[in-house]
Amino acid sequence: MGVFVFLPLVLPLTAWPVARLAEQHLHPRTATRVLTAVAGVMALCSTLCLALLMVVGTAQLPGNPLPDGWSDPEVRAAVPYDEIAGKAAIPALLAVCAACARTLWRHARVRRRGHRALEGLPGTSVAVLPDDVSYAYALPSRRGGRVVVTTGMLARLAAPERRALFAHERAHLAARHHRHLLVTRLAARANPFLRPLRTSVAFTAERWADEEAARAVRDRRTVARAIGKAALVSRGAPAPALAGFAAPGPVPRRVAALLAPPPAARTRPSLFTAVGLALWCAAFGTVVSAMSSANSAVTMILILRAATPL
């Protein structure tokens, strides 16, 4: 197994260059999907290897429930620095599990609170809350979800800008952007090196919805104006874990992108460009991470089977 068990823990660093370059050079739809896939795979691989290290560390603890053969020198020799890495992996994996569980719990709680706030309102695709505070967001559900907007937000937007707002939020629901955001949020909890990808996906998901809204209303300037107005009057939605029209973030970059020509839908940039090289680097890191974790898992299983008394 050797050092391969440690590689998935640091290989997420290979995805850092593509995180920012994808925002600038790829279509937002492509960037969101690619970055989410890279973050999810790398997070799973690093967590698996952390679990393998924890097995070695737990087997060294006195009174542990594992078979005695799992603490033999031959088993420990399969992991470099087993005394340090194995024992350090125990609190690290517990912290990862606790952080991911807390993220899932908060996500579910936000959705429950959002649905409770809409109780008693008509079951239409758009729910208008009588609130002077300006905010709007997409609330997903098994039935497709609803667009939630306050009267305060609608009062501050002209009719074309309202259409842009609704198109933007419907794009979030149609593309299930909350799933992309949740995956990258969990990935960042599993491995701190994946935090840049979480930030990038939060931005590209908004840009994806911006482009869908611009295509729906056929006026990029109207969408840009609506985003700018909403950002000025919005005080933040009460559902921070969900995608929102004026979500905190680089709003000036979103407006500037809408005032520019629409991005090309080409999904395969040339290797001889910065973004192409960064994509191949991230793909290489993801493949090596998957292969390293698979190799470590298979090797550990074979070693533990041989060390387990019949």
C-alpha atoms as a PDB file:
ATOM      1  CA  MET A   1       0.000   0.000   0.000  1.00  0.00           C
ATOM      2  CA  GLY A   2       2.850   2.358   0.835  1.00  0.00           C
ATOM      3  CA  VAL A   3       2.458   6.064   0.296  1.00  0.00           C
ATOM      4  CA  PHE A   4      -0.521   5.542  -2.027  1.00  0.00           C
ATOM      5  CA  VAL A   5      -2.836   5.734   0.973  1.00  0.00           C
ATOM      6  CA  PHE A   6      -1.710   9.324   1.584  1.00  0.00           C
ATOM      7  CA  LEU A   7      -1.998  10.601  -2.002  1.00  0.00           C
ATOM      8  CA  PRO A   8      -5.798  11.152  -2.065  1.00  0.00           C
ATOM      9  CA  LEU A   9      -5.436  13.377   0.988  1.00  0.00           C
ATOM     10  CA  VAL A  10      -3.300  15.919  -0.905  1.00  0.00           C
ATOM     11  CA  LEU A  11      -4.251  15.393  -4.569  1.00  0.00           C
ATOM     12  CA  PRO A  12      -7.155  17.892  -4.294  1.00  0.00           C
ATOM     13  CA  LEU A  13      -4.432  20.521  -4.607  1.00  0.00           C
ATOM     14  CA  THR A  14      -4.258  19.625  -8.313  1.00  0.00           C
ATOM     15  CA  ALA A  15      -7.789  20.993  -8.752  1.00  0.00           C
ATOM     16  CA  TRP A  16      -7.015  24.470  -7.455  1.00  0.00           C
ATOM     17  CA  PRO A  17      -5.962  25.949 -10.830  1.00  0.00           C
ATOM     18  CA  VAL A  18      -9.107  24.762 -12.622  1.00  0.00           C
ATOM     19  CA  ALA A  19     -11.390  26.169  -9.932  1.00  0.00           C
ATOM     20  CA  ARG A  20     -10.766  29.793 -10.904  1.00  0.00           C
ATOM     21  CA  LEU A  21     -10.038  29.214 -14.589  1.00  0.00           C
ATOM     22  CA  ALA A  22     -13.302  27.307 -15.056  1.00  0.00           C
ATOM     23  CA  GLU A  23     -15.226  30.334 -13.779  1.00  0.00           C
ATOM     24  CA  GLN A  24     -13.614  32.536 -16.408  1.00  0.00           C
ATOM     25  CA  HIS A  25     -13.306  30.335 -19.500  1.00  0.00           C
ATOM     26  CA  LEU A  26     -15.892  27.534 -19.387  1.00  0.00           C
ATOM     27  CA  HIS A  27     -19.625  27.744 -19.873  1.00  0.00           C
ATOM     28  CA  PRO A  28     -21.161  27.955 -16.366  1.00  0.00           C
ATOM     29  CA  ARG A  29     -23.126  24.754 -16.942  1.00  0.00           C
ATOM     30  CA  THR A  30     -19.977  22.826 -17.850  1.00  0.00           C
ATOM     31  CA  ALA A  31     -17.939  24.387 -15.062  1.00  0.00           C
ATOM     32  CA  THR A  32     -20.560  23.532 -12.432  1.00  0.00           C
ATOM     33  CA  ARG A  33     -20.795  19.901 -13.495  1.00  0.00           C
ATOM     34  CA  VAL A  34     -17.046  19.370 -13.862  1.00  0.00           C
ATOM     35  CA  LEU A  35     -16.122  20.995 -10.563  1.00  0.00           C
ATOM     36  CA  THR A  36     -18.876  19.142  -8.701  1.00  0.00           C
ATOM     37  CA  ALA A  37     -17.743  15.792 -10.104  1.00  0.00           C
ATOM     38  CA  VAL A  38     -14.081  16.468  -9.282  1.00  0.00           C
ATOM     39  CA  ALA A  39     -14.924  17.596  -5.741  1.00  0.00           C
ATOM     40  CA  GLY A  40     -17.205  14.639  -5.083  1.00  0.00           C
ATOM     41  CA  VAL A  41     -14.775  11.979  -6.328  1.00  0.00           C
ATOM     42  CA  MET A  42     -11.777  13.465  -4.537  1.00  0.00           C
ATOM     43  CA  ALA A  43     -13.719  13.812  -1.286  1.00  0.00           C
ATOM     44  CA  LEU A  44     -14.836  10.174  -1.409  1.00  0.00           C
ATOM     45  CA  CYS A  45     -11.295   8.987  -2.125  1.00  0.00           C
ATOM     46  CA  SER A  46      -9.705  10.993   0.671  1.00  0.00           C
ATOM     47  CA  THR A  47     -12.371   9.859   3.147  1.00  0.00           C
ATOM     48  CA  LEU A  48     -11.843   6.215   2.165  1.00  0.00           C
ATOM     49  CA  CYS A  49      -8.108   6.469   2.699  1.00  0.00           C
ATOM     50  CA  LEU A  50      -8.665   8.220   6.007  1.00  0.00           C
ATOM     51  CA  ALA A  51     -10.874   5.288   7.037  1.00  0.00           C
ATOM     52  CA  LEU A  52      -8.153   2.810   6.056  1.00  0.00           C
ATOM     53  CA  LEU A  53      -5.653   4.690   8.178  1.00  0.00           C
ATOM     54  CA  MET A  54      -8.128   4.718  11.052  1.00  0.00           C
ATOM     55  CA  VAL A  55      -8.350   0.916  10.940  1.00  0.00           C
ATOM     56  CA  VAL A  56      -4.615   0.666  11.452  1.00  0.00           C
ATOM     57  CA  GLY A  57      -4.730   3.242  14.238  1.00  0.00           C
ATOM     58  CA  THR A  58      -7.686   1.638  16.015  1.00  0.00           C
ATOM     59  CA  ALA A  59      -6.023  -1.784  15.906  1.00  0.00           C
ATOM     60  CA  GLN A  60      -3.166  -0.367  17.997  1.00  0.00           C
ATOM     61  CA  LEU A  61      -5.411   0.813  20.821  1.00  0.00           C
ATOM     62  CA  PRO A  62      -5.604  -1.476  23.871  1.00  0.00           C
ATOM     63  CA  GLY A  63      -8.976  -3.118  24.357  1.00  0.00           C
ATOM     64  CA  ASN A  64     -10.210  -2.433  20.842  1.00  0.00           C
ATOM     65  CA  PRO A  65     -12.876  -4.776  19.424  1.00  0.00           C
ATOM     66  CA  LEU A  66     -10.883  -5.591  16.265  1.00  0.00           C
ATOM     67  CA  PRO A  67      -9.217  -9.001  15.732  1.00  0.00           C
ATOM     68  CA  ASP A  68      -5.810  -9.290  17.384  1.00  0.00           C
ATOM     69  CA  GLY A  69      -4.144 -10.103  14.059  1.00  0.00           C
ATOM     70  CA  TRP A  70      -4.946  -6.627  12.744  1.00  0.00           C
ATOM     71  CA  SER A  71      -2.333  -5.127  15.047  1.00  0.00           C
ATOM     72  CA  ASP A  72       0.455  -7.447  13.902  1.00  0.00           C
ATOM     73  CA  PRO A  73       3.675  -5.795  12.681  1.00  0.00           C
ATOM     74  CA  GLU A  74       3.032  -7.114   9.153  1.00  0.00           C
ATOM     75  CA  VAL A  75      -0.242  -5.189   8.977  1.00  0.00           C
ATOM     76  CA  ARG A  76       1.242  -2.021  10.404  1.00  0.00           C
ATOM     77  CA  ALA A  77       4.198  -2.252   8.014  1.00  0.00           C
ATOM     78  CA  ALA A  78       1.799  -1.769   5.104  1.00  0.00           C
ATOM     79  CA  VAL A  79       1.205   1.842   6.199  1.00  0.00           C
ATOM     80  CA  PRO A  80       4.174   4.215   6.456  1.00  0.00           C
ATOM     81  CA  TYR A  81       4.394   6.036   9.794  1.00  0.00           C
ATOM     82  CA  ASP A  82       1.565   3.845  11.100  1.00  0.00           C
ATOM     83  CA  GLU A  83       2.012   4.904  14.723  1.00  0.00           C
ATOM     84  CA  ILE A  84       1.511   8.573  13.901  1.00  0.00           C
ATOM     85  CA  ALA A  85      -0.777   8.521  10.857  1.00  0.00           C
ATOM     86  CA  GLY A  86      -2.946   5.670  12.094  1.00  0.00           C
ATOM     87  CA  LYS A  87      -3.732   7.256  15.443  1.00  0.00           C
ATOM     88  CA  ALA A  88      -4.081  10.760  13.978  1.00  0.00           C
ATOM     89  CA  ALA A  89      -6.631   9.421  11.470  1.00  0.00           C
ATOM     90  CA  ILE A  90      -9.049   8.461  14.272  1.00  0.00           C
ATOM     91  CA  PRO A  91      -9.962  12.012  15.424  1.00  0.00           C
ATOM     92  CA  ALA A  92      -9.611  13.292  11.854  1.00  0.00           C
ATOM     93  CA  LEU A  93     -12.212  10.872  10.497  1.00  0.00           C
ATOM     94  CA  LEU A  94     -14.512  11.498  13.446  1.00  0.00           C
ATOM     95  CA  ALA A  95     -14.272  15.233  12.753  1.00  0.00           C
ATOM     96  CA  VAL A  96     -15.062  14.683   9.057  1.00  0.00           C
ATOM     97  CA  CYS A  97     -18.095  12.539   9.874  1.00  0.00           C
ATOM     98  CA  ALA A  98     -19.349  15.066  12.426  1.00  0.00           C
ATOM     99  CA  ALA A  99     -18.888  17.988  10.023  1.00  0.00           C
ATOM    100  CA  CYS A 100     -20.673  16.191   7.162  1.00  0.00           C
ATOM    101  CA  ALA A 101     -23.509  15.103   9.451  1.00  0.00           C
ATOM    102  CA  ARG A 102     -23.912  18.678  10.689  1.00  0.00           C
ATOM    103  CA  THR A 103     -23.980  19.975   7.100  1.00  0.00           C
ATOM    104  CA  LEU A 104     -26.664  17.465   6.099  1.00  0.00           C
ATOM    105  CA  TRP A 105     -28.697  18.280   9.212  1.00  0.00           C
ATOM    106  CA  ARG A 106     -28.523  22.023   8.560  1.00  0.00           C
ATOM    107  CA  HIS A 107     -29.477  21.510   4.905  1.00  0.00           C
ATOM    108  CA  ALA A 108     -32.517  19.438   5.897  1.00  0.00           C
ATOM    109  CA  ARG A 109     -33.466  21.928   8.604  1.00  0.00           C
ATOM    110  CA  VAL A 110     -33.344  24.863   6.169  1.00  0.00           C
ATOM    111  CA  ARG A 111     -35.600  23.027   3.730  1.00  0.00           C
ATOM    112  CA  ARG A 112     -38.057  22.084   6.488  1.00  0.00           C
ATOM    113  CA  ARG A 113     -38.197  25.674   7.736  1.00  0.00           C
ATOM    114  CA  GLY A 114     -38.719  26.912   4.197  1.00  0.00           C
ATOM    115  CA  HIS A 115     -41.621  24.554   3.587  1.00  0.00           C
ATOM    116  CA  ARG A 116     -43.193  25.398   6.954  1.00  0.00           C
ATOM    117  CA  ALA A 117     -43.049  29.098   6.076  1.00  0.00           C
ATOM    118  CA  LEU A 118     -45.168  28.389   2.985  1.00  0.00           C
ATOM    119  CA  GLU A 119     -47.906  26.504   4.817  1.00  0.00           C
ATOM    120  CA  GLY A 120     -51.296  28.038   4.131  1.00  0.00           C
ATOM    121  CA  LEU A 121     -50.219  29.677   0.869  1.00  0.00           C
ATOM    122  CA  PRO A 122     -51.640  28.568  -2.502  1.00  0.00           C
ATOM    123  CA  GLY A 123     -49.784  25.624  -4.008  1.00  0.00           C
ATOM    124  CA  THR A 124     -48.540  27.569  -7.022  1.00  0.00           C
ATOM    125  CA  SER A 125     -45.036  27.400  -8.478  1.00  0.00           C
ATOM    126  CA  VAL A 126     -44.347  30.907  -7.124  1.00  0.00           C
ATOM    127  CA  ALA A 127     -44.916  31.676  -3.439  1.00  0.00           C
ATOM    128  CA  VAL A 128     -45.165  35.369  -2.544  1.00  0.00           C
ATOM    129  CA  LEU A 129     -44.505  36.140   1.104  1.00  0.00           C
ATOM    130  CA  PRO A 130     -45.908  39.384   2.580  1.00  0.00           C
ATOM    131  CA  ASP A 131     -42.611  40.766   3.825  1.00  0.00           C
ATOM    132  CA  ASP A 132     -40.993  44.170   3.323  1.00  0.00           C
ATOM    133  CA  VAL A 133     -37.548  42.571   3.487  1.00  0.00           C
ATOM    134  CA  SER A 134     -36.321  41.905  -0.044  1.00  0.00           C
ATOM    135  CA  TYR A 135     -35.175  38.403  -0.915  1.00  0.00           C
ATOM    136  CA  ALA A 136     -35.874  35.573  -3.331  1.00  0.00           C
ATOM    137  CA  TYR A 137     -34.676  31.994  -3.505  1.00  0.00           C
ATOM    138  CA  ALA A 138     -35.462  28.586  -4.980  1.00  0.00           C
ATOM    139  CA  LEU A 139     -36.914  26.040  -2.553  1.00  0.00           C
ATOM    140  CA  PRO A 140     -36.483  22.507  -3.956  1.00  0.00           C
ATOM    141  CA  SER A 141     -38.824  19.632  -3.236  1.00  0.00           C
ATOM    142  CA  ARG A 142     -39.678  16.196  -4.594  1.00  0.00           C
ATOM    143  CA  ARG A 143     -42.405  17.757  -6.721  1.00  0.00           C
ATOM    144  CA  GLY A 144     -40.051  20.139  -8.471  1.00  0.00           C
ATOM    145  CA  GLY A 145     -39.807  22.972  -5.973  1.00  0.00           C
ATOM    146  CA  ARG A 146     -41.143  26.501  -5.724  1.00  0.00           C
ATOM    147  CA  VAL A 147     -39.845  30.007  -6.220  1.00  0.00           C
ATOM    148  CA  VAL A 148     -40.091  32.038  -3.004  1.00  0.00           C
ATOM    149  CA  VAL A 149     -40.124  35.820  -3.274  1.00  0.00           C
ATOM    150  CA  THR A 150     -41.257  38.613  -0.981  1.00  0.00           C
ATOM    151  CA  THR A 151     -43.518  41.518  -1.775  1.00  0.00           C
ATOM    152  CA  GLY A 152     -40.625  43.795  -0.838  1.00  0.00           C
ATOM    153  CA  MET A 153     -38.497  42.347  -3.636  1.00  0.00           C
ATOM    154  CA  LEU A 154     -41.298  42.490  -6.215  1.00  0.00           C
ATOM    155  CA  ALA A 155     -42.052  46.118  -5.350  1.00  0.00           C
ATOM    156  CA  ARG A 156     -38.492  47.126  -6.178  1.00  0.00           C
ATOM    157  CA  LEU A 157     -38.330  45.450  -9.591  1.00  0.00           C
ATOM    158  CA  ALA A 158     -39.977  46.434 -12.856  1.00  0.00           C
ATOM    159  CA  ALA A 159     -42.101  43.909 -14.760  1.00  0.00           C
ATOM    160  CA  PRO A 160     -39.271  42.738 -17.110  1.00  0.00           C
ATOM    161  CA  GLU A 161     -36.936  42.399 -14.129  1.00  0.00           C
ATOM    162  CA  ARG A 162     -39.501  40.276 -12.297  1.00  0.00           C
ATOM    163  CA  ARG A 163     -39.611  37.927 -15.266  1.00  0.00           C
ATOM    164  CA  ALA A 164     -35.833  37.698 -15.104  1.00  0.00           C
ATOM    165  CA  LEU A 165     -36.011  36.890 -11.395  1.00  0.00           C
ATOM    166  CA  PHE A 166     -38.550  34.110 -11.917  1.00  0.00           C
ATOM    167  CA  ALA A 167     -36.584  32.669 -14.835  1.00  0.00           C
ATOM    168  CA  HIS A 168     -33.407  32.694 -12.752  1.00  0.00           C
ATOM    169  CA  GLU A 169     -34.977  30.845  -9.825  1.00  0.00           C
ATOM    170  CA  ARG A 170     -36.746  28.354 -12.092  1.00  0.00           C
ATOM    171  CA  ALA A 171     -33.379  27.586 -13.672  1.00  0.00           C
ATOM    172  CA  HIS A 172     -32.019  26.746 -10.211  1.00  0.00           C
ATOM    173  CA  LEU A 173     -34.888  24.326  -9.674  1.00  0.00           C
ATOM    174  CA  ALA A 174     -34.769  22.759 -13.134  1.00  0.00           C
ATOM    175  CA  ALA A 175     -31.021  22.066 -12.948  1.00  0.00           C
ATOM    176  CA  ARG A 176     -31.153  20.929  -9.302  1.00  0.00           C
ATOM    177  CA  HIS A 177     -28.424  23.350  -8.319  1.00  0.00           C
ATOM    178  CA  HIS A 178     -29.017  22.631  -4.640  1.00  0.00           C
ATOM    179  CA  ARG A 179     -27.509  19.181  -5.224  1.00  0.00           C
ATOM    180  CA  HIS A 180     -24.333  20.642  -6.711  1.00  0.00           C
ATOM    181  CA  LEU A 181     -24.050  23.040  -3.789  1.00  0.00           C
ATOM    182  CA  LEU A 182     -24.609  20.287  -1.244  1.00  0.00           C
ATOM    183  CA  VAL A 183     -22.054  17.941  -2.826  1.00  0.00           C
ATOM    184  CA  THR A 184     -19.340  20.589  -2.883  1.00  0.00           C
ATOM    185  CA  ARG A 185     -20.201  21.693   0.640  1.00  0.00           C
ATOM    186  CA  LEU A 186     -19.827  18.128   1.895  1.00  0.00           C
ATOM    187  CA  ALA A 187     -16.611  17.725  -0.108  1.00  0.00           C
ATOM    188  CA  ALA A 188     -15.147  20.816   1.535  1.00  0.00           C
ATOM    189  CA  ARG A 189     -16.036  19.380   4.943  1.00  0.00           C
ATOM    190  CA  ALA A 190     -14.392  16.070   4.051  1.00  0.00           C
ATOM    191  CA  ASN A 191     -11.183  17.681   2.770  1.00  0.00           C
ATOM    192  CA  PRO A 192     -10.340  21.361   3.410  1.00  0.00           C
ATOM    193  CA  PHE A 193      -8.248  21.421   0.227  1.00  0.00           C
ATOM    194  CA  LEU A 194     -11.531  21.291  -1.736  1.00  0.00           C
ATOM    195  CA  ARG A 195     -12.874  24.596  -0.389  1.00  0.00           C
ATOM    196  CA  PRO A 196     -11.902  26.571  -3.530  1.00  0.00           C
ATOM    197  CA  LEU A 197     -14.104  24.246  -5.586  1.00  0.00           C
ATOM    198  CA  ARG A 198     -17.046  24.884  -3.266  1.00  0.00           C
ATOM    199  CA  THR A 199     -16.656  28.632  -3.741  1.00  0.00           C
ATOM    200  CA  SER A 200     -16.334  28.276  -7.506  1.00  0.00           C
ATOM    201  CA  VAL A 201     -19.431  26.068  -7.814  1.00  0.00           C
ATOM    202  CA  ALA A 202     -21.460  28.551  -5.770  1.00  0.00           C
ATOM    203  CA  PHE A 203     -20.512  31.197  -8.339  1.00  0.00           C
ATOM    204  CA  THR A 204     -20.878  29.098 -11.505  1.00  0.00           C
ATOM    205  CA  ALA A 205     -24.299  27.824 -10.405  1.00  0.00           C
ATOM    206  CA  GLU A 206     -25.496  31.427 -10.156  1.00  0.00           C
ATOM    207  CA  ARG A 207     -23.926  32.201 -13.528  1.00  0.00           C
ATOM    208  CA  TRP A 208     -25.643  29.150 -15.022  1.00  0.00           C
ATOM    209  CA  ALA A 209     -29.003  30.429 -13.785  1.00  0.00           C
ATOM    210  CA  ASP A 210     -28.154  33.922 -15.064  1.00  0.00           C
ATOM    211  CA  GLU A 211     -27.543  32.588 -18.562  1.00  0.00           C
ATOM    212  CA  GLU A 212     -30.767  30.555 -18.501  1.00  0.00           C
ATOM    213  CA  ALA A 213     -32.680  33.650 -17.394  1.00  0.00           C
ATOM    214  CA  ALA A 214     -31.077  35.735 -20.140  1.00  0.00           C
ATOM    215  CA  ARG A 215     -32.097  33.154 -22.703  1.00  0.00           C
ATOM    216  CA  ALA A 216     -35.646  33.035 -21.339  1.00  0.00           C
ATOM    217  CA  VAL A 217     -36.259  36.807 -21.347  1.00  0.00           C
ATOM    218  CA  ARG A 218     -34.027  37.382 -24.416  1.00  0.00           C
ATOM    219  CA  ASP A 219     -32.421  40.446 -22.887  1.00  0.00           C
ATOM    220  CA  ARG A 220     -29.117  40.135 -21.065  1.00  0.00           C
ATOM    221  CA  ARG A 221     -29.182  43.754 -19.889  1.00  0.00           C
ATOM    222  CA  THR A 222     -32.527  43.250 -18.177  1.00  0.00           C
ATOM    223  CA  VAL A 223     -31.159  40.310 -16.219  1.00  0.00           C
ATOM    224  CA  ALA A 224     -28.029  42.259 -15.305  1.00  0.00           C
ATOM    225  CA  ARG A 225     -30.128  45.194 -14.147  1.00  0.00           C
ATOM    226  CA  ALA A 226     -32.384  42.923 -12.088  1.00  0.00           C
ATOM    227  CA  ILE A 227     -29.397  41.290 -10.384  1.00  0.00           C
ATOM    228  CA  GLY A 228     -27.869  44.668  -9.599  1.00  0.00           C
ATOM    229  CA  LYS A 229     -31.099  46.013  -8.125  1.00  0.00           C
ATOM    230  CA  ALA A 230     -31.738  42.863  -6.116  1.00  0.00           C
ATOM    231  CA  ALA A 231     -28.219  42.942  -4.696  1.00  0.00           C
ATOM    232  CA  LEU A 232     -28.644  46.558  -3.577  1.00  0.00           C
ATOM    233  CA  VAL A 233     -31.943  46.016  -1.764  1.00  0.00           C
ATOM    234  CA  SER A 234     -31.536  42.418  -0.589  1.00  0.00           C
ATOM    235  CA  ARG A 235     -30.697  41.724   3.026  1.00  0.00           C
ATOM    236  CA  GLY A 236     -30.082  38.051   2.494  1.00  0.00           C
ATOM    237  CA  ALA A 237     -32.530  35.191   2.324  1.00  0.00           C
ATOM    238  CA  PRO A 238     -33.413  33.283   5.505  1.00  0.00           C
ATOM    239  CA  ALA A 239     -32.271  30.115   3.700  1.00  0.00           C
ATOM    240  CA  PRO A 240     -28.512  30.586   3.235  1.00  0.00           C
ATOM    241  CA  ALA A 241     -27.983  26.976   2.154  1.00  0.00           C
ATOM    242  CA  LEU A 242     -30.135  27.412  -0.965  1.00  0.00           C
ATOM    243  CA  ALA A 243     -29.482  29.219  -4.232  1.00  0.00           C
ATOM    244  CA  GLY A 244     -30.786  32.785  -4.292  1.00  0.00           C
ATOM    245  CA  PHE A 245     -31.224  35.552  -6.829  1.00  0.00           C
ATOM    246  CA  ALA A 246     -29.032  38.009  -4.947  1.00  0.00           C
ATOM    247  CA  ALA A 247     -26.943  35.504  -3.053  1.00  0.00           C
ATOM    248  CA  PRO A 248     -23.811  36.863  -1.387  1.00  0.00           C
ATOM    249  CA  GLY A 249     -20.891  36.692  -3.746  1.00  0.00           C
ATOM    250  CA  PRO A 250     -19.205  38.463  -6.648  1.00  0.00           C
ATOM    251  CA  VAL A 251     -22.325  40.189  -8.010  1.00  0.00           C
ATOM    252  CA  PRO A 252     -20.250  42.693 -10.073  1.00  0.00           C
ATOM    253  CA  ARG A 253     -18.661  39.768 -11.924  1.00  0.00           C
ATOM    254  CA  ARG A 254     -22.087  38.320 -12.690  1.00  0.00           C
ATOM    255  CA  VAL A 255     -23.321  41.654 -13.995  1.00  0.00           C
ATOM    256  CA  ALA A 256     -20.182  42.156 -16.095  1.00  0.00           C
ATOM    257  CA  ALA A 257     -20.581  38.678 -17.593  1.00  0.00           C
ATOM    258  CA  LEU A 258     -24.176  39.438 -18.570  1.00  0.00           C
ATOM    259  CA  LEU A 259     -23.165  42.700 -20.226  1.00  0.00           C
ATOM    260  CA  ALA A 260     -20.663  40.755 -22.334  1.00  0.00           C
ATOM    261  CA  PRO A 261     -21.561  38.354 -25.172  1.00  0.00           C
ATOM    262  CA  PRO A 262     -22.931  34.963 -24.067  1.00  0.00           C
ATOM    263  CA  PRO A 263     -20.283  32.328 -23.302  1.00  0.00           C
ATOM    264  CA  ALA A 264     -19.546  29.664 -25.884  1.00  0.00           C
ATOM    265  CA  ALA A 265     -21.127  26.310 -25.195  1.00  0.00           C
ATOM    266  CA  ARG A 266     -17.998  24.412 -26.290  1.00  0.00           C
ATOM    267  CA  THR A 267     -17.077  21.910 -23.599  1.00  0.00           C
ATOM    268  CA  ARG A 268     -13.641  20.771 -24.798  1.00  0.00           C
ATOM    269  CA  PRO A 269     -11.056  23.543 -24.533  1.00  0.00           C
ATOM    270  CA  SER A 270      -7.755  23.000 -26.276  1.00  0.00           C
ATOM    271  CA  LEU A 271      -4.956  21.435 -24.255  1.00  0.00           C
ATOM    272  CA  PHE A 272      -2.696  24.306 -25.308  1.00  0.00           C
ATOM    273  CA  THR A 273      -4.627  26.823 -23.206  1.00  0.00           C
ATOM    274  CA  ALA A 274      -4.488  27.614 -19.508  1.00  0.00           C
ATOM    275  CA  VAL A 275      -7.950  26.226 -18.811  1.00  0.00           C
ATOM    276  CA  GLY A 276      -7.295  23.130 -20.924  1.00  0.00           C
ATOM    277  CA  LEU A 277      -4.072  22.402 -19.069  1.00  0.00           C
ATOM    278  CA  ALA A 278      -5.794  22.991 -15.732  1.00  0.00           C
ATOM    279  CA  LEU A 279      -8.625  20.627 -16.693  1.00  0.00           C
ATOM    280  CA  TRP A 280      -6.201  17.872 -17.612  1.00  0.00           C
ATOM    281  CA  CYS A 281      -4.302  18.462 -14.380  1.00  0.00           C
ATOM    282  CA  ALA A 282      -7.525  18.157 -12.347  1.00  0.00           C
ATOM    283  CA  ALA A 283      -8.570  15.076 -14.333  1.00  0.00           C
ATOM    284  CA  PHE A 284      -5.163  13.502 -13.743  1.00  0.00           C
ATOM    285  CA  GLY A 285      -5.379  14.234 -10.023  1.00  0.00           C
ATOM    286  CA  THR A 286      -8.876  12.765  -9.855  1.00  0.00           C
ATOM    287  CA  VAL A 287      -7.877   9.567 -11.687  1.00  0.00           C
ATOM    288  CA  VAL A 288      -4.743   9.095  -9.585  1.00  0.00           C
ATOM    289  CA  SER A 289      -6.768   9.728  -6.435  1.00  0.00           C
ATOM    290  CA  ALA A 290      -9.334   7.091  -7.437  1.00  0.00           C
ATOM    291  CA  MET A 291      -6.638   4.576  -8.392  1.00  0.00           C
ATOM    292  CA  SER A 292      -4.656   5.193  -5.207  1.00  0.00           C
ATOM    293  CA  SER A 293      -7.676   4.772  -2.952  1.00  0.00           C
ATOM    294  CA  ALA A 294      -8.782   1.636  -4.821  1.00  0.00           C
ATOM    295  CA  ASN A 295      -5.275   0.164  -4.604  1.00  0.00           C
ATOM    296  CA  SER A 296      -5.050   0.965  -0.904  1.00  0.00           C
ATOM    297  CA  ALA A 297      -8.491  -0.487  -0.181  1.00  0.00           C
ATOM    298  CA  VAL A 298      -7.824  -3.750  -2.046  1.00  0.00           C
ATOM    299  CA  THR A 299      -4.385  -4.126  -0.468  1.00  0.00           C
ATOM    300  CA  MET A 300      -5.723  -3.468   3.016  1.00  0.00           C
ATOM    301  CA  ILE A 301      -8.562  -5.972   2.556  1.00  0.00           C
ATOM    302  CA  LEU A 302      -6.142  -8.672   1.410  1.00  0.00           C
ATOM    303  CA  ILE A 303      -3.764  -7.970   4.299  1.00  0.00           C
ATOM    304  CA  LEU A 304      -6.553  -7.999   6.904  1.00  0.00           C
ATOM    305  CA  ARG A 305      -7.997 -11.225   5.502  1.00  0.00           C
ATOM    306  CA  ALA A 306      -4.585 -12.860   5.779  1.00  0.00           C
ATOM    307  CA  ALA A 307      -4.126 -11.535   9.310  1.00  0.00           C
ATOM    308  CA  THR A 308      -7.588 -12.515  10.543  1.00  0.00           C
ATOM    309  CA  PRO A 309      -7.541 -15.810  12.452  1.00  0.00           C
ATOM    310  CA  LEU A 310      -9.958 -18.452  11.159  1.00  0.00           C
END
